[in-house]
Protein backbone atom coordinates (compact mmCIF):
# COMPACT_ATOMS: atom_id res chain seq x y z
CA UNK A 1 -47.98 -110.04 17.98
CA UNK A 2 -45.45 -112.08 20.65
CA UNK A 3 -46.21 -115.43 18.51
CA UNK A 4 -45.59 -113.20 15.22
CA UNK A 5 -42.26 -111.98 16.89
CA UNK A 6 -41.09 -115.22 18.07
CA UNK A 7 -41.97 -116.80 14.86
CA UNK A 8 -39.93 -114.14 12.51
CA UNK A 9 -37.14 -114.51 15.32
CA UNK A 10 -36.88 -118.42 14.26
CA UNK A 11 -36.87 -117.83 10.91
CA UNK A 12 -33.96 -115.26 10.89
CA UNK A 13 -32.18 -117.61 13.18
CA UNK A 14 -32.45 -120.13 10.58
CA UNK A 15 -31.60 -117.79 8.04
CA UNK A 16 -28.44 -116.93 9.90
CA UNK A 17 -27.25 -120.52 10.26
CA UNK A 18 -28.15 -121.72 6.91
CA UNK A 19 -25.71 -118.63 5.25
CA UNK A 20 -23.06 -119.53 7.88
CA UNK A 21 -23.14 -123.24 6.64
CA UNK A 22 -23.82 -122.44 2.64
CA UNK A 23 -20.77 -123.76 1.47
CA UNK A 24 -21.38 -127.34 3.14
CA UNK A 25 -25.30 -127.35 1.81
CA UNK A 26 -24.39 -126.37 -1.57
CA UNK A 27 -21.81 -129.10 -1.23
CA UNK A 28 -23.98 -131.77 -0.60
CA UNK A 29 -26.90 -131.02 -2.97
CA UNK A 30 -24.06 -130.68 -5.45
CA UNK A 31 -22.57 -134.18 -4.50
CA UNK A 32 -26.31 -135.30 -5.22
CA UNK A 33 -26.55 -133.55 -8.43
CA UNK A 34 -23.48 -134.59 -9.80
CA UNK A 35 -24.35 -138.04 -9.14
CA UNK A 36 -27.18 -137.97 -11.18
CA UNK A 37 -25.79 -135.76 -14.04
CA UNK A 38 -22.79 -138.28 -14.66
CA UNK A 39 -25.32 -141.56 -14.29
CA UNK A 40 -28.22 -139.66 -16.47
CA UNK A 41 -28.80 -140.97 -19.98
CA UNK A 42 -31.67 -140.23 -21.83
CA UNK A 43 -31.78 -142.83 -24.75
CA UNK A 44 -31.82 -145.56 -22.40
CA UNK A 45 -34.95 -144.09 -20.78
CA UNK A 46 -36.64 -143.83 -24.37
CA UNK A 47 -39.30 -146.76 -25.56
CA UNK A 48 -38.98 -148.42 -28.78
CA UNK A 49 -39.32 -145.88 -31.78
CA UNK A 50 -38.00 -143.29 -33.78
CA UNK A 51 -37.38 -140.29 -31.69
CA UNK A 52 -36.14 -136.52 -32.37
CA UNK A 53 -34.90 -133.66 -30.95
CA UNK A 54 -33.72 -130.21 -31.97
CA UNK A 55 -30.41 -129.58 -30.62
CA UNK A 56 -30.41 -126.56 -32.59
CA UNK A 57 -33.50 -124.95 -34.20
CA UNK A 58 -31.93 -121.86 -35.44
CA UNK A 59 -30.31 -120.47 -38.56
CA UNK A 60 -27.19 -118.67 -38.77
CA UNK A 61 -28.47 -115.49 -36.69
CA UNK A 62 -28.13 -115.59 -32.77
CA UNK A 63 -31.53 -116.12 -31.36
CA UNK A 64 -32.18 -116.67 -27.46
CA UNK A 65 -33.89 -120.04 -28.16
CA UNK A 66 -32.62 -121.28 -31.71
CA UNK A 67 -29.02 -122.13 -31.75
CA UNK A 68 -27.32 -123.23 -34.73
CA UNK A 69 -29.43 -126.24 -37.12
CA UNK A 70 -28.99 -129.33 -35.32
CA UNK A 71 -31.26 -132.47 -35.48
CA UNK A 72 -30.45 -135.98 -33.01
CA UNK A 73 -32.32 -138.57 -34.40
CA UNK A 74 -32.54 -141.86 -32.06
CA UNK A 75 -33.95 -145.48 -33.48
CA UNK A 76 -33.80 -148.01 -30.73
CA UNK A 77 -30.64 -147.66 -29.33
CA UNK A 78 -28.71 -145.70 -32.02
CA UNK A 79 -28.26 -142.40 -32.33
CA UNK A 80 -27.35 -139.78 -34.88
CA UNK A 81 -26.94 -136.29 -35.54
CA UNK A 82 -28.03 -134.41 -38.52
CA UNK A 83 -25.78 -131.08 -39.14
CA UNK A 84 -23.95 -129.78 -36.22
CA UNK A 85 -24.66 -125.75 -35.58
CA UNK A 86 -23.20 -123.89 -33.03
CA UNK A 87 -24.11 -124.67 -29.68
CA UNK A 88 -26.04 -128.12 -31.11
CA UNK A 89 -23.50 -130.51 -29.20
CA UNK A 90 -23.68 -128.83 -25.69
CA UNK A 91 -27.43 -128.42 -25.99
CA UNK A 92 -26.98 -132.14 -26.33
CA UNK A 93 -25.43 -132.69 -22.94
CA UNK A 94 -27.74 -130.31 -21.45
CA UNK A 95 -30.35 -133.00 -22.17
CA UNK A 96 -28.46 -135.80 -21.29
CA UNK A 97 -28.10 -137.40 -24.45
CA UNK A 98 -24.99 -139.51 -24.01
CA UNK A 99 -22.85 -138.06 -27.01
CA UNK A 100 -20.00 -140.79 -26.32
CA UNK A 101 -22.62 -143.23 -27.88
CA UNK A 102 -23.23 -141.34 -30.96
CA UNK A 103 -23.11 -143.61 -34.06
CA UNK A 104 -22.95 -141.14 -36.78
CA UNK A 105 -23.37 -137.53 -38.04
CA UNK A 106 -25.17 -136.79 -41.34
CA UNK A 107 -24.39 -133.36 -42.98
CA UNK A 108 -26.90 -131.54 -45.32
CA UNK A 109 -24.93 -129.45 -46.98
CA UNK A 110 -21.43 -127.08 -46.06
CA UNK A 111 -22.82 -124.03 -44.80
CA UNK A 112 -20.85 -122.53 -42.10
CA UNK A 113 -23.97 -122.78 -39.85
CA UNK A 114 -24.12 -126.55 -40.63
CA UNK A 115 -21.13 -127.82 -39.73
CA UNK A 116 -19.04 -125.59 -37.54
CA UNK A 117 -19.91 -127.43 -34.28
CA UNK A 118 -18.76 -130.53 -36.08
CA UNK A 119 -14.98 -130.11 -34.17
CA UNK A 120 -16.59 -130.30 -30.68
CA UNK A 121 -19.03 -133.10 -31.19
CA UNK A 122 -16.30 -135.32 -32.60
CA UNK A 123 -13.94 -134.08 -29.16
CA UNK A 124 -17.05 -134.74 -26.67
CA UNK A 125 -18.13 -138.25 -28.67
CA UNK A 126 -14.14 -139.26 -28.30
CA UNK A 127 -13.10 -137.97 -25.15
CA UNK A 128 -16.85 -139.00 -23.22
CA UNK A 129 -17.31 -142.39 -24.71
CA UNK A 130 -13.22 -144.24 -24.95
CA UNK A 131 -14.19 -144.39 -28.66
CA UNK A 132 -11.62 -146.30 -30.32
CA UNK A 133 -12.59 -145.56 -33.89
CA UNK A 134 -12.97 -142.05 -35.22
CA UNK A 135 -16.94 -140.46 -35.62
CA UNK A 136 -18.32 -141.45 -39.07
CA UNK A 137 -19.51 -138.35 -41.25
CA UNK A 138 -21.82 -139.04 -43.62
CA UNK A 139 -22.90 -136.56 -46.56
CA UNK A 140 -22.40 -135.73 -50.47
CA UNK A 141 -19.28 -135.60 -52.31
CA UNK A 142 -17.30 -132.83 -51.15
CA UNK A 143 -17.85 -133.81 -47.06
CA UNK A 144 -14.28 -135.54 -47.18
CA UNK A 145 -12.45 -132.46 -47.45
CA UNK A 146 -14.89 -131.02 -44.67
CA UNK A 147 -13.66 -134.01 -42.69
CA UNK A 148 -10.04 -133.83 -43.52
CA UNK A 149 -9.69 -130.23 -42.83
CA UNK A 150 -11.53 -130.46 -39.22
CA UNK A 151 -9.37 -133.19 -38.41
CA UNK A 152 -6.18 -130.99 -39.29
CA UNK A 153 -7.50 -128.07 -37.06
CA UNK A 154 -7.81 -130.28 -34.20
CA UNK A 155 -4.69 -132.54 -34.82
CA UNK A 156 -2.56 -130.86 -32.08
CA UNK A 157 -5.33 -130.97 -29.77
CA UNK A 158 -5.37 -135.05 -30.54
CA UNK A 159 -1.98 -135.15 -28.84
CA UNK A 160 -2.33 -132.55 -26.11
CA UNK A 161 -5.40 -134.93 -24.87
CA UNK A 162 -4.05 -138.32 -25.53
CA UNK A 163 -0.70 -137.17 -23.77
CA UNK A 164 -2.70 -136.17 -20.31
CA UNK A 165 -5.16 -138.45 -20.19
CA UNK A 166 -3.93 -141.68 -22.27
CA UNK A 167 -6.20 -144.47 -23.84
CA UNK A 168 -8.57 -144.42 -20.98
CA UNK A 169 -10.22 -141.46 -22.08
CA UNK A 170 -8.21 -140.50 -25.28
CA UNK A 171 -7.04 -143.64 -27.86
CA UNK A 172 -5.41 -141.97 -30.64
CA UNK A 173 -7.15 -144.80 -32.78
CA UNK A 174 -10.46 -142.87 -32.08
CA UNK A 175 -9.61 -139.38 -32.51
CA UNK A 176 -11.16 -137.01 -35.21
CA UNK A 177 -13.56 -138.22 -37.69
CA UNK A 178 -13.70 -140.53 -40.90
CA UNK A 179 -15.96 -139.05 -44.24
CA UNK A 180 -18.02 -141.66 -46.14
CA UNK A 181 -19.25 -139.75 -49.00
CA UNK A 182 -22.54 -140.25 -51.42
CA UNK A 183 -23.02 -139.08 -54.76
CA UNK A 184 -25.83 -136.79 -54.95
CA UNK A 185 -29.35 -139.03 -56.16
CA UNK A 186 -31.51 -137.78 -58.89
CA UNK A 187 -34.26 -135.48 -58.05
CA UNK A 188 -36.71 -138.81 -58.41
CA UNK A 189 -34.56 -141.02 -56.26
CA UNK A 190 -33.24 -142.20 -52.99
CA UNK A 191 -29.82 -143.06 -52.01
CA UNK A 192 -29.65 -145.37 -48.99
CA UNK A 193 -26.62 -143.79 -47.17
CA UNK A 194 -27.14 -146.23 -43.80
CA UNK A 195 -29.11 -149.32 -42.83
CA UNK A 196 -28.46 -151.39 -39.59
CA UNK A 197 -30.79 -153.09 -36.96
CA UNK A 198 -34.30 -151.78 -38.48
CA UNK A 199 -33.13 -148.51 -39.39
CA UNK A 200 -32.92 -146.97 -43.05
CA UNK A 201 -31.55 -143.62 -43.68
CA UNK A 202 -32.04 -142.31 -47.16
CA UNK A 203 -30.86 -139.30 -49.04
CA UNK A 204 -32.79 -136.89 -51.27
CA UNK A 205 -31.16 -134.04 -53.15
CA UNK A 206 -33.13 -130.83 -52.63
CA UNK A 207 -32.10 -126.98 -54.29
CA UNK A 208 -30.61 -124.62 -52.34
CA UNK A 209 -28.58 -122.88 -55.19
CA UNK A 210 -26.14 -121.84 -55.88
CA UNK A 211 -25.39 -123.98 -52.84
CA UNK A 212 -24.27 -127.38 -54.43
CA UNK A 213 -24.47 -130.24 -53.21
CA UNK A 214 -27.31 -130.01 -50.82
CA UNK A 215 -29.40 -132.91 -49.33
CA UNK A 216 -32.42 -133.78 -47.18
CA UNK A 217 -32.56 -137.00 -45.12
CA UNK A 218 -35.34 -139.68 -44.65
CA UNK A 219 -35.39 -142.13 -41.69
CA UNK A 220 -37.13 -145.25 -41.53
CA UNK A 221 -37.44 -147.34 -38.52
CA UNK A 222 -39.77 -150.08 -37.58
CA UNK A 223 -42.97 -148.84 -39.44
CA UNK A 224 -42.36 -145.13 -38.58
CA UNK A 225 -40.77 -142.65 -41.07
CA UNK A 226 -39.47 -138.76 -40.35
CA UNK A 227 -37.61 -136.69 -43.28
CA UNK A 228 -35.28 -133.35 -42.41
CA UNK A 229 -35.32 -131.45 -45.41
CA UNK A 230 -32.40 -129.38 -44.70
CA UNK A 231 -31.96 -125.74 -46.20
CA UNK A 232 -33.77 -125.92 -49.65
CA UNK A 233 -36.54 -124.40 -52.06
CA UNK A 234 -39.83 -125.61 -52.29
CA UNK A 235 -39.54 -128.91 -54.06
CA UNK A 236 -41.78 -131.67 -55.74
CA UNK A 237 -39.59 -134.55 -55.20
CA UNK A 238 -39.26 -133.46 -51.16
CA UNK A 239 -43.24 -133.87 -50.72
CA UNK A 240 -43.44 -136.70 -53.04
CA UNK A 241 -40.21 -138.44 -50.49
CA UNK A 242 -42.79 -137.26 -47.38
CA UNK A 243 -46.06 -138.75 -48.75
CA UNK A 244 -47.59 -139.84 -45.73
CA UNK A 245 -44.46 -139.89 -43.71
CA UNK A 246 -45.06 -138.76 -39.87
CA UNK A 247 -42.93 -136.15 -39.14
CA UNK A 248 -41.36 -133.62 -41.41
CA UNK A 249 -39.01 -131.24 -40.00
CA UNK A 250 -38.71 -128.63 -42.62
CA UNK A 251 -36.51 -124.98 -42.85
CA UNK A 252 -38.61 -122.15 -43.03
CA UNK A 253 -37.46 -118.72 -43.69
CA UNK A 254 -40.26 -115.97 -43.07
CA UNK A 255 -39.93 -113.72 -46.69
CA UNK A 256 -42.38 -110.72 -44.76
CA UNK A 257 -39.82 -110.44 -41.63
CA UNK A 258 -36.76 -110.51 -44.02
CA UNK A 259 -38.20 -107.58 -45.69
CA UNK A 260 -38.73 -105.56 -42.75
CA UNK A 261 -35.15 -106.40 -42.13
CA UNK A 262 -34.08 -105.39 -45.25
CA UNK A 263 -35.85 -102.07 -44.88
CA UNK A 264 -34.78 -101.31 -41.86
CA UNK A 265 -30.67 -101.89 -43.29
CA UNK A 266 -31.62 -99.45 -45.72
CA UNK A 267 -33.16 -97.01 -43.34
CA UNK A 268 -30.04 -96.83 -41.22
CA UNK A 269 -27.65 -96.82 -44.03
CA UNK A 270 -26.47 -100.49 -43.77
CA UNK A 271 -25.90 -101.63 -47.22
CA UNK A 272 -24.12 -105.27 -46.04
CA UNK A 273 -27.63 -106.64 -44.17
CA UNK A 274 -29.60 -104.87 -46.96
CA UNK A 275 -27.68 -107.07 -49.39
CA UNK A 276 -27.86 -110.32 -47.05
CA UNK A 277 -31.73 -109.69 -46.35
CA UNK A 278 -32.39 -109.64 -49.71
CA UNK A 279 -30.37 -112.22 -51.09
CA UNK A 280 -31.27 -115.24 -48.74
CA UNK A 281 -34.72 -114.98 -50.16
CA UNK A 282 -34.02 -116.50 -53.49
CA UNK A 283 -33.17 -120.12 -51.50
CA UNK A 284 -34.73 -120.77 -48.79
CA UNK A 285 -38.62 -122.15 -47.99
CA UNK A 286 -41.35 -119.88 -46.51
CA UNK A 287 -43.56 -121.20 -43.46
CA UNK A 288 -46.71 -120.97 -46.00
CA UNK A 289 -44.68 -123.46 -48.59
CA UNK A 290 -43.53 -125.83 -46.04
CA UNK A 291 -47.15 -126.04 -44.78
CA UNK A 292 -48.57 -126.81 -48.28
CA UNK A 293 -45.81 -129.32 -48.65
CA UNK A 294 -47.38 -130.98 -45.38
CA UNK A 295 -50.52 -130.47 -46.66
CA UNK A 296 -49.99 -132.45 -50.01
CA UNK A 297 -48.12 -134.80 -48.56
CA UNK A 298 -50.55 -135.95 -45.82
CA UNK A 299 -47.97 -135.94 -43.26
CA UNK A 300 -48.50 -136.48 -39.60
CA UNK A 301 -47.00 -133.56 -37.66
CA UNK A 302 -44.94 -130.47 -39.71
CA UNK A 303 -41.91 -129.23 -37.23
CA UNK A 304 -40.39 -125.80 -38.46
CA UNK A 305 -36.54 -125.61 -37.92
CA UNK A 306 -34.10 -123.59 -38.91
CA UNK A 307 -35.93 -120.79 -38.19
CA UNK A 308 -34.99 -117.35 -39.76
CA UNK A 309 -35.24 -114.33 -38.66
CA UNK A 310 -34.96 -115.31 -34.83
CA UNK A 311 -38.50 -115.50 -33.02
CA UNK A 312 -37.18 -112.54 -30.01
CA UNK A 313 -40.45 -110.65 -29.33
CA UNK A 314 -43.97 -111.89 -28.48
CA UNK A 315 -46.80 -112.47 -31.02
CA UNK A 316 -43.71 -112.94 -33.71
CA UNK A 317 -45.05 -116.39 -34.37
CA UNK A 318 -48.27 -114.97 -36.08
CA UNK A 319 -45.73 -112.79 -38.38
CA UNK A 320 -43.71 -115.80 -38.85
CA UNK A 321 -46.16 -118.19 -40.12
CA UNK A 322 -48.24 -115.58 -42.32
CA UNK A 323 -51.23 -117.81 -42.02
CA UNK A 324 -49.60 -121.44 -42.53
CA UNK A 325 -51.28 -122.10 -39.57
CA UNK A 326 -54.52 -122.26 -41.65
CA UNK A 327 -53.06 -124.50 -44.73
CA UNK A 328 -51.59 -126.93 -42.11
CA UNK A 329 -52.65 -126.82 -38.43
CA UNK A 330 -50.52 -129.94 -37.37
CA UNK A 331 -47.59 -127.71 -36.70
CA UNK A 332 -44.81 -126.60 -34.12
CA UNK A 333 -42.52 -123.85 -34.54
CA UNK A 334 -38.84 -124.98 -33.29
CA UNK A 335 -36.67 -123.88 -30.35
CA UNK A 336 -33.92 -125.94 -28.59
CA UNK A 337 -35.21 -128.81 -27.03
CA UNK A 338 -38.70 -129.53 -28.73
CA UNK A 339 -38.82 -133.08 -29.26
CA UNK A 340 -41.17 -135.89 -30.53
CA UNK A 341 -41.25 -139.57 -29.78
CA UNK A 342 -42.92 -141.96 -32.88
CA UNK A 343 -43.77 -145.62 -31.01
CA UNK A 344 -42.12 -148.26 -32.95
CA UNK A 345 -45.41 -149.79 -34.89
CA UNK A 346 -48.07 -147.06 -34.00
CA UNK A 347 -49.12 -144.04 -35.43
CA UNK A 348 -49.06 -141.57 -32.26
CA UNK A 349 -46.91 -138.71 -32.73
CA UNK A 350 -45.90 -137.37 -29.04
CA UNK A 351 -44.56 -134.08 -28.64
CA UNK A 352 -42.27 -135.24 -25.15
CA UNK A 353 -40.31 -132.12 -24.98
CA UNK A 354 -41.29 -127.91 -25.47
CA UNK A 355 -38.11 -126.81 -24.94
CA UNK A 356 -34.81 -126.27 -23.42
C-alpha cells in the first residue's frame, strides 16, 4: 500500500508540474510540428507514376467525410486538380499537397458544387507559391465566363494582398486565373487538352442534361491510365474510353436512397426537398450502372465519388451499393482523402490512403 501511495503521489506531483508548464510544453511541441508541417511536401515523397486523391468525395449535400467534388492527380512532378468543390482546397493542405506548385485545374461542368472552391484554390496557389502567372483553368467552352467572374469577385483581394505582402508573396502578375477553353468533342472522339512531360489529358463528352456542356477527363502517363467521369448518366462512350484502364473514378447516386428521402420529404410536407430528390434521379449514374461500366470495360479498379446521398449511418454502404458489389467487386466507396498510386510502367494498383 505504501508503494502504491508513493507512486500515486509521484504521478500527481508530475501532473501538477506538467499542468503548470503546459504553455511551455505546448510551445516546444508546436515549434517542432510547425517545422515539419511547413516543410512537408507529399508530391516529393511519391514514386514516379500516376497518383490520385479525392480531395472531395461528395456532392452538393453536406457530409461528414465527403466534401464537394475535387480530385487531385499527380503525374511525375506535375500536379492538377479536377473540379474544386467546397473544402477541397483545404483538404489538399491537410494532406500536405504543395498548393503553390499546382499546375492547373480541369473543370467538368459549371454546377456550383464543382466550381465553388476555385477562388480559394487560386488564391492559395498564388500566395503559397510566389507564382508570377495566373492559375490555368481548363474546361469546355464557357469556362471563360466562370474564370472572368471569379477574377472580378477577387479583384479587390488581389490589391489587398499585394499591398500587404508585396511581390515576395503576391506578385500581381500571378493573381487569379486564366481560362483555356475547348469545344466539346463528339461522342466517339477524345480531345487532347494538355500534353507535357509524358502526361496526356483528354476530354470526353458526357450526358448531364440539361447541364451542357459536361465532360470527363482521361489521364495517361507512362503506361498508366485513369478516367474521371464528372457528372453523367450511364454512357456507352465513357465505357469505350474506359476500356482496360487502371482506375475508373465514377460518380454515383443511389436512386433507392433518394427515393427514401423523397418519401420522407413528402411525409413531413417539404415540397422543395421532394422535388429536388425526384429531379436529380434522371441525370446521374447509379452504383449498379457504374459497376456495369467497370465490369464491361474490364477496368482495374472502380472508385465511386460524388457520393449522393451522404453516407452518415453504419450499414448505409450496403444500401448505397444495392448489389453493385456483386457486379464488380474491385471497388472503393470514396471519402475525403482516399488515395491510389499507379506506379509507372507496371500493373500495380495501390490504395495508399483510406481517408483523412
